Amino acid sequence: MIAVDAAPVSDPVGLEVFNQRLLAITEEMGAHLVRSSFSPNIKERRDCSVALFDRDGRVLAQAAHIPIHLGSLVGGVEAVLRRFPPEEMTPGDAYVCNDAYLAGGTHLPDIAVITPVFWADAVQFFVGCVGHHADVGGAVPGSISPDAASIFEEGIRIPPVRLAEDGEVDENVLELIAHNTREPEERMLDLRVQTAVNARGVKNFHTLIERMGLSEVQAAVDDLVVYTATRLRRGIAAIPDGRYSGCAYMDDDGAQSGQVPIVVTATVTGDRLSFDCTGTGVQSGGAFNVMPSGVLATVAYAVKALLDPELPPNRGLFESIELNVPLGTILNPRFPAAVGARTTTCQKLAGAIFAAFEPLLDPASAMAPSHDVLAAMVLSGDSPRREGAYVYLETVGGGIGASGARDGADGAHVHITNSLNMPIEAVELEYPLLVEAYGLIPDSGGAGEFRGGLGIAREVRVLEPDTTFSARADGFEAMSPGARGGGHGRRCQVVHNHGQGDERSMEPKQRLMRIAPGDTIRMETPGGAGFGPPAARSIKAIAEDLADGKATQEGARLAYGDGPVDAALDCLQGLTNDKG
């Protein structure tokens, strides 16, 4: 919402109305993208995003979908403009790209489609959408392997190319992309949907221009970007000048190299904010590298979340922020480093930024670290529904860190991811799999005056032979540390045949593990960290955890001691007697 005193705006109500009109275009595009897509990963998990841009590639609005996708969209528009000057574009064109080095992407499964908006015989704006395609080829199903040595193992690389001309999709380009993947029919259908969704966005942009007039729209765009930049500068100016550092650790870089530090030093000088990542670990020998577009999207998310959550998501966010990310680090790798598993590194980067700002916040607003990973599992085998393979991709939420005022949220995505889970019914309908368990993990949140949120367990039984399992996550060794005396969150792990005689616990980085029919594979995600000393937790809160199954008696006694737990049990017994 536009704040009247945040910037010199002559018509704050009108500017807010205009901002909402832009967001309405993105939200409608996003709704059509989800409803019309064919792959479960987009239609069920909503692993997609849309955004609007001006002629120069400045982002104007992004739907409330997945923050990391802003990196692929911004990078994609900039790459399209480098390859295809607006003067060479024609109405009905659409461009497709995904590559991290050639097209500003963040990883290859995120395929962006960019469409120019013409008015008065010239390109005036762009609409863009990105979908995470469950497979784009490469060495492993799902196209992401933690130990991939280069981007050449990760699937088809698409530089900016024209996908449609005069509104007609180029079948040659479409088939070239699709037949380099394990699910060509889904790729072709979803790319057609992305192109059609952009056409819908162009139509809605035309309606906006018809209503307001082109010059008025362009003036409102400039005002909105200036307003956002000014409002952010005032938020930065309210922070005491100084240097604030934060650090998070990854178990390894996917190539078993030992712990990797993600270091951020934020420097506030007046109304300017700079981030220096010197000290961050060297580039990954595996797939956990992040391209600059992904770093930019992560920093923008963190600044918005920490300083002004209501800040409009547009180019003005970046105008008071400077980045120094040394080349050759895991946050700015040299070609041809693999980048498929970049999301967990981005989560750790966001966690390090939050840690840097934690001392500046009062206890009620401060927050303990969350699970800060993206736990993903991929199962693949022969498809029972069509010729060829199926690829089942799932990302599983975890525990959110407690704050100085409340317990952390249970079972949610954090930071720069925001997808849904795939419903159990959809999994069992689409794939030869049976979901045996899906729920919160008791005792997984860090103890404290306020408890960290609980992690999630998702357990799947394989029904057919020749099934492979791959996973990517972190937090098997480096667990979320507690804040101000709180306990750490529980670790992340993969369990083969949970509860059976041959049960085996493994780290959550796996590549092409063979799973026999009847066996189960279980992903357990980390819990969030606790805030404040466990001794300060109220008896009532402990009793509620026990009653709700969020803590076991054994786990509660380890965390809080026998006396508080006995008192909590007495409290529960008293409530039971009263009801009786």
Foldseek 3Di string as FASTA:
>chain_A
DQDPPLDPDPCSVVLVVLLVLQQVLFVVLLVLLLCQADDCCCVFFVQKWKFKWWLVLWTQAIHPAFLLVQQQSSQQVVLCCVVAPQVRADAQWKKKFAAVVQRRHWARQWIKIKHFQDDPRTGTMIMMMTHRHQKQAFDARSQFALQDQFNNRRHDGGHIDIQTHPNHGDVVVLQVRLVRIQHSVSSSSSVVSRSVSRVSSSVSVVVVCVVQPDVRSVVSSVVLLVSLLSSQLVLLQVFDFDKFKFKAWFQARSNRPGIWIFIWIWGRDRSAIEIERPPTAFAGSGAQAGALSSLVSQVLLLSCVPRPVVRGPINSSPPRYYYHYDERHSHHYDPGGHHNQNQLVSLRNSQGVLNRCQVVDDQQPRWFAFLSKWKKKWKKDAWPPDGGMDIDIFTWFFKGTQTSNAATAATAHDRRHHIHGRDQVVDVVGGQKHWPDWDWDALQWWAALHTIYTWIKTKMAHADFPMWMFIDIGFQPRFGDAEAAIHTGHGKWKWKQPPDPPIDIGHGRGGGHGDGHGIMIMTTGITHIYYHHNQNHALCVLLVCCVVVNHPLVSCCVRHNDVSSVSSVVVVVVVVVVVD
